[in-house]
Amino acid sequence: MSLPYELEKYREDIQHLKEVPTLGECSSFADLCWDEADPLTLDPGIKFETMERIVVLQRIKGQLRYFAGGWGKQENVDKVPNGFGVFLNIRI
């Protein structure tokens, strides 16, 4: 079952998150520091997006991974701190 579909079960609980950022499906995001996951074969993730920032969650090889950082104009990408990693305490 894909992460966007699973998130639908919690639509009412997270509705307040959608009031400012847009919520959408993300086919993939890539980071060269991660292992040999093929971004073209991954289940879709979800993204929360504003004019200046993006947060992406995606299941990759049994792990829930994230990216957060600047978005849109290059000046946003440069000024907003970014990070990526794996949620260690979530089993999916």
N, C-alpha and C. Protein backbone atom coordinates (compact mmCIF):
# COMPACT_ATOMS: atom_id res chain seq x y z
N MET A 1 0.84 -1.17 0.00
CA MET A 1 0.00 0.00 0.00
C MET A 1 0.90 1.24 0.00
N SER A 2 0.59 2.22 -0.83
CA SER A 2 1.46 3.38 -0.96
C SER A 2 1.26 4.36 0.20
N LEU A 3 2.28 5.13 0.48
CA LEU A 3 2.24 6.09 1.57
C LEU A 3 1.13 7.13 1.38
N PRO A 4 0.93 7.69 0.18
CA PRO A 4 -0.18 8.63 0.02
C PRO A 4 -1.54 8.00 0.35
N TYR A 5 -1.74 6.76 -0.03
CA TYR A 5 -3.00 6.09 0.27
C TYR A 5 -3.15 5.88 1.78
N GLU A 6 -2.08 5.47 2.44
CA GLU A 6 -2.13 5.26 3.88
C GLU A 6 -2.40 6.58 4.61
N LEU A 7 -1.86 7.68 4.10
CA LEU A 7 -2.06 8.97 4.72
C LEU A 7 -3.53 9.41 4.65
N GLU A 8 -4.24 8.98 3.64
CA GLU A 8 -5.65 9.32 3.51
C GLU A 8 -6.45 8.92 4.74
N LYS A 9 -6.05 7.86 5.42
CA LYS A 9 -6.76 7.41 6.62
C LYS A 9 -6.73 8.48 7.70
N TYR A 10 -5.75 9.37 7.64
CA TYR A 10 -5.58 10.39 8.67
C TYR A 10 -5.90 11.79 8.17
N ARG A 11 -6.68 11.87 7.09
CA ARG A 11 -6.97 13.16 6.46
C ARG A 11 -7.50 14.19 7.46
N GLU A 12 -8.46 13.82 8.27
CA GLU A 12 -9.02 14.79 9.23
C GLU A 12 -7.99 15.23 10.25
N ASP A 13 -7.14 14.31 10.69
CA ASP A 13 -6.13 14.65 11.68
C ASP A 13 -5.08 15.61 11.13
N ILE A 14 -4.78 15.53 9.85
CA ILE A 14 -3.73 16.37 9.28
C ILE A 14 -4.29 17.50 8.42
N GLN A 15 -5.60 17.68 8.42
CA GLN A 15 -6.21 18.72 7.58
C GLN A 15 -5.58 20.08 7.85
N HIS A 16 -5.28 20.38 9.11
CA HIS A 16 -4.69 21.68 9.43
C HIS A 16 -3.34 21.87 8.76
N LEU A 17 -2.64 20.79 8.42
CA LEU A 17 -1.36 20.91 7.72
C LEU A 17 -1.55 21.40 6.29
N LYS A 18 -2.72 21.13 5.72
CA LYS A 18 -2.95 21.48 4.32
C LYS A 18 -3.41 22.92 4.14
N GLU A 19 -3.70 23.64 5.22
CA GLU A 19 -4.22 24.98 5.08
C GLU A 19 -3.17 25.96 4.55
N VAL A 20 -1.92 25.75 4.89
CA VAL A 20 -0.87 26.64 4.39
C VAL A 20 -0.08 25.96 3.28
N PRO A 21 0.56 24.81 3.55
CA PRO A 21 1.27 24.15 2.44
C PRO A 21 0.32 23.34 1.58
N THR A 22 0.73 23.10 0.36
CA THR A 22 -0.03 22.17 -0.47
C THR A 22 0.50 20.77 -0.18
N LEU A 23 -0.38 19.81 -0.28
CA LEU A 23 -0.03 18.42 -0.04
C LEU A 23 -0.18 17.69 -1.36
N GLY A 24 0.84 16.95 -1.76
CA GLY A 24 0.76 16.24 -3.02
C GLY A 24 1.60 14.99 -3.03
N GLU A 25 1.47 14.26 -4.11
CA GLU A 25 2.24 13.04 -4.29
C GLU A 25 3.58 13.39 -4.92
N CYS A 26 4.60 12.65 -4.53
CA CYS A 26 5.94 12.87 -5.05
C CYS A 26 6.44 11.56 -5.62
N SER A 27 6.77 11.54 -6.89
CA SER A 27 7.20 10.29 -7.50
C SER A 27 8.52 9.81 -6.90
N SER A 28 9.42 10.72 -6.60
CA SER A 28 10.66 10.34 -5.92
C SER A 28 11.48 11.58 -5.62
N PHE A 29 12.35 11.44 -4.67
CA PHE A 29 13.39 12.44 -4.45
C PHE A 29 14.67 11.66 -4.26
N ALA A 30 15.75 12.24 -4.63
CA ALA A 30 17.00 11.48 -4.64
C ALA A 30 18.06 12.19 -3.81
N ASP A 31 18.91 11.40 -3.22
CA ASP A 31 20.07 11.93 -2.53
C ASP A 31 21.22 10.98 -2.80
N LEU A 32 22.30 11.50 -3.26
CA LEU A 32 23.41 10.65 -3.66
C LEU A 32 24.07 9.95 -2.48
N CYS A 33 23.76 10.37 -1.25
CA CYS A 33 24.36 9.73 -0.08
C CYS A 33 23.67 8.40 0.25
N TRP A 34 22.51 8.16 -0.33
CA TRP A 34 21.77 6.95 0.01
C TRP A 34 22.21 5.80 -0.88
N ASP A 35 21.76 4.63 -0.53
CA ASP A 35 22.19 3.42 -1.21
C ASP A 35 21.67 3.34 -2.65
N GLU A 36 21.63 2.20 -3.18
CA GLU A 36 21.36 1.99 -4.60
C GLU A 36 19.88 1.93 -4.96
N ALA A 37 19.02 2.66 -4.26
CA ALA A 37 17.59 2.69 -4.59
C ALA A 37 17.39 3.35 -5.95
N ASP A 38 16.62 2.71 -6.79
CA ASP A 38 16.31 3.25 -8.11
C ASP A 38 15.10 4.16 -7.99
N PRO A 39 15.25 5.49 -8.15
CA PRO A 39 14.13 6.40 -7.95
C PRO A 39 12.96 6.15 -8.90
N LEU A 40 13.20 5.49 -10.00
CA LEU A 40 12.12 5.24 -10.96
C LEU A 40 11.24 4.05 -10.57
N THR A 41 11.66 3.25 -9.60
CA THR A 41 10.88 2.08 -9.21
C THR A 41 10.28 2.20 -7.81
N LEU A 42 10.39 3.36 -7.18
CA LEU A 42 9.93 3.53 -5.81
C LEU A 42 8.43 3.80 -5.74
N ASP A 43 7.81 3.41 -4.62
CA ASP A 43 6.44 3.82 -4.35
C ASP A 43 6.43 5.33 -4.19
N PRO A 44 5.32 5.98 -4.57
CA PRO A 44 5.27 7.44 -4.42
C PRO A 44 5.36 7.86 -2.95
N GLY A 45 5.93 9.02 -2.75
CA GLY A 45 5.98 9.61 -1.42
C GLY A 45 4.97 10.74 -1.34
N ILE A 46 5.07 11.52 -0.28
CA ILE A 46 4.21 12.69 -0.14
C ILE A 46 5.07 13.92 0.07
N LYS A 47 4.54 15.06 -0.36
CA LYS A 47 5.29 16.30 -0.17
C LYS A 47 4.36 17.38 0.39
N PHE A 48 4.91 18.16 1.30
CA PHE A 48 4.27 19.35 1.83
C PHE A 48 5.08 20.51 1.29
N GLU A 49 4.40 21.41 0.57
CA GLU A 49 5.14 22.42 -0.19
C GLU A 49 4.56 23.81 0.06
N THR A 50 5.46 24.77 0.34
CA THR A 50 5.08 26.18 0.40
C THR A 50 5.91 26.90 -0.67
N MET A 51 5.78 28.20 -0.72
CA MET A 51 6.55 28.97 -1.70
C MET A 51 8.05 28.93 -1.40
N GLU A 52 8.41 28.69 -0.13
CA GLU A 52 9.82 28.76 0.25
C GLU A 52 10.41 27.45 0.75
N ARG A 53 9.57 26.45 1.06
CA ARG A 53 10.08 25.26 1.73
C ARG A 53 9.33 24.02 1.25
N ILE A 54 10.01 22.88 1.31
CA ILE A 54 9.39 21.61 0.96
C ILE A 54 9.83 20.55 1.98
N VAL A 55 8.90 19.66 2.31
CA VAL A 55 9.18 18.49 3.13
C VAL A 55 8.65 17.29 2.37
N VAL A 56 9.49 16.30 2.17
CA VAL A 56 9.11 15.09 1.44
C VAL A 56 9.31 13.88 2.34
N LEU A 57 8.33 12.98 2.37
CA LEU A 57 8.43 11.72 3.09
C LEU A 57 8.25 10.61 2.08
N GLN A 58 9.10 9.59 2.12
CA GLN A 58 8.99 8.50 1.17
C GLN A 58 9.53 7.21 1.77
N ARG A 59 8.82 6.12 1.47
CA ARG A 59 9.27 4.80 1.91
C ARG A 59 10.27 4.29 0.88
N ILE A 60 11.47 3.98 1.36
CA ILE A 60 12.53 3.48 0.49
C ILE A 60 13.17 2.30 1.19
N LYS A 61 13.08 1.14 0.56
CA LYS A 61 13.66 -0.09 1.10
C LYS A 61 13.28 -0.33 2.56
N GLY A 62 11.98 -0.17 2.87
CA GLY A 62 11.47 -0.46 4.20
C GLY A 62 11.72 0.63 5.24
N GLN A 63 12.27 1.75 4.83
CA GLN A 63 12.54 2.85 5.75
C GLN A 63 11.70 4.05 5.35
N LEU A 64 11.28 4.84 6.32
CA LEU A 64 10.60 6.10 6.03
C LEU A 64 11.66 7.20 6.04
N ARG A 65 11.94 7.74 4.88
CA ARG A 65 12.99 8.73 4.72
C ARG A 65 12.38 10.10 4.48
N TYR A 66 13.14 11.14 4.77
CA TYR A 66 12.62 12.50 4.61
C TYR A 66 13.68 13.42 4.02
N PHE A 67 13.18 14.47 3.41
CA PHE A 67 14.00 15.60 2.98
C PHE A 67 13.22 16.86 3.33
N ALA A 68 13.89 17.86 3.85
CA ALA A 68 13.29 19.16 4.12
C ALA A 68 14.29 20.23 3.73
N GLY A 69 13.82 21.24 3.04
CA GLY A 69 14.74 22.29 2.65
C GLY A 69 14.05 23.41 1.90
N GLY A 70 14.88 24.33 1.41
CA GLY A 70 14.38 25.46 0.65
C GLY A 70 13.79 25.01 -0.68
N TRP A 71 12.88 25.83 -1.22
CA TRP A 71 12.14 25.44 -2.42
C TRP A 71 11.79 26.67 -3.23
N GLY A 72 11.63 26.48 -4.52
CA GLY A 72 11.21 27.59 -5.38
C GLY A 72 12.41 28.36 -5.89
N LYS A 73 12.44 29.63 -5.58
CA LYS A 73 13.52 30.49 -6.06
C LYS A 73 14.86 30.04 -5.48
N GLN A 74 15.91 30.27 -6.22
CA GLN A 74 17.26 29.88 -5.77
C GLN A 74 17.62 30.53 -4.44
N GLU A 75 17.16 31.76 -4.23
CA GLU A 75 17.48 32.43 -2.96
C GLU A 75 16.85 31.68 -1.77
N ASN A 76 15.69 31.05 -1.97
CA ASN A 76 15.09 30.23 -0.91
C ASN A 76 15.92 28.98 -0.66
N VAL A 77 16.36 28.36 -1.73
CA VAL A 77 17.17 27.15 -1.60
C VAL A 77 18.46 27.47 -0.85
N ASP A 78 19.03 28.65 -1.11
CA ASP A 78 20.28 29.04 -0.47
C ASP A 78 20.10 29.44 1.00
N LYS A 79 18.99 30.09 1.33
CA LYS A 79 18.85 30.64 2.69
C LYS A 79 18.18 29.69 3.68
N VAL A 80 17.38 28.75 3.21
CA VAL A 80 16.66 27.86 4.13
C VAL A 80 17.51 26.62 4.39
N PRO A 81 17.78 26.32 5.66
CA PRO A 81 18.56 25.11 5.95
C PRO A 81 17.84 23.87 5.44
N ASN A 82 18.60 22.85 5.08
CA ASN A 82 17.97 21.61 4.63
C ASN A 82 18.55 20.43 5.38
N GLY A 83 17.82 19.35 5.30
CA GLY A 83 18.29 18.13 5.95
C GLY A 83 17.58 16.93 5.36
N PHE A 84 18.15 15.77 5.57
CA PHE A 84 17.54 14.53 5.11
C PHE A 84 17.93 13.44 6.07
N GLY A 85 17.15 12.38 6.07
CA GLY A 85 17.49 11.28 6.96
C GLY A 85 16.42 10.21 6.98
N VAL A 86 16.48 9.38 8.00
CA VAL A 86 15.60 8.24 8.16
C VAL A 86 14.96 8.32 9.53
N PHE A 87 13.64 8.15 9.60
CA PHE A 87 12.97 8.05 10.88
C PHE A 87 13.30 6.68 11.46
N LEU A 88 14.02 6.65 12.54
CA LEU A 88 14.51 5.40 13.09
C LEU A 88 13.48 4.64 13.90
N ASN A 89 12.47 5.30 14.43
CA ASN A 89 11.55 4.62 15.33
C ASN A 89 10.19 4.32 14.71
N ILE A 90 10.08 4.38 13.41
CA ILE A 90 8.81 4.10 12.75
C ILE A 90 8.96 2.81 11.94
N ARG A 91 8.06 1.86 12.17
CA ARG A 91 8.07 0.63 11.40
C ARG A 91 6.98 0.73 10.34
N ILE A 92 7.34 0.49 9.09
CA ILE A 92 6.36 0.55 8.01
C ILE A 92 6.42 -0.73 7.21
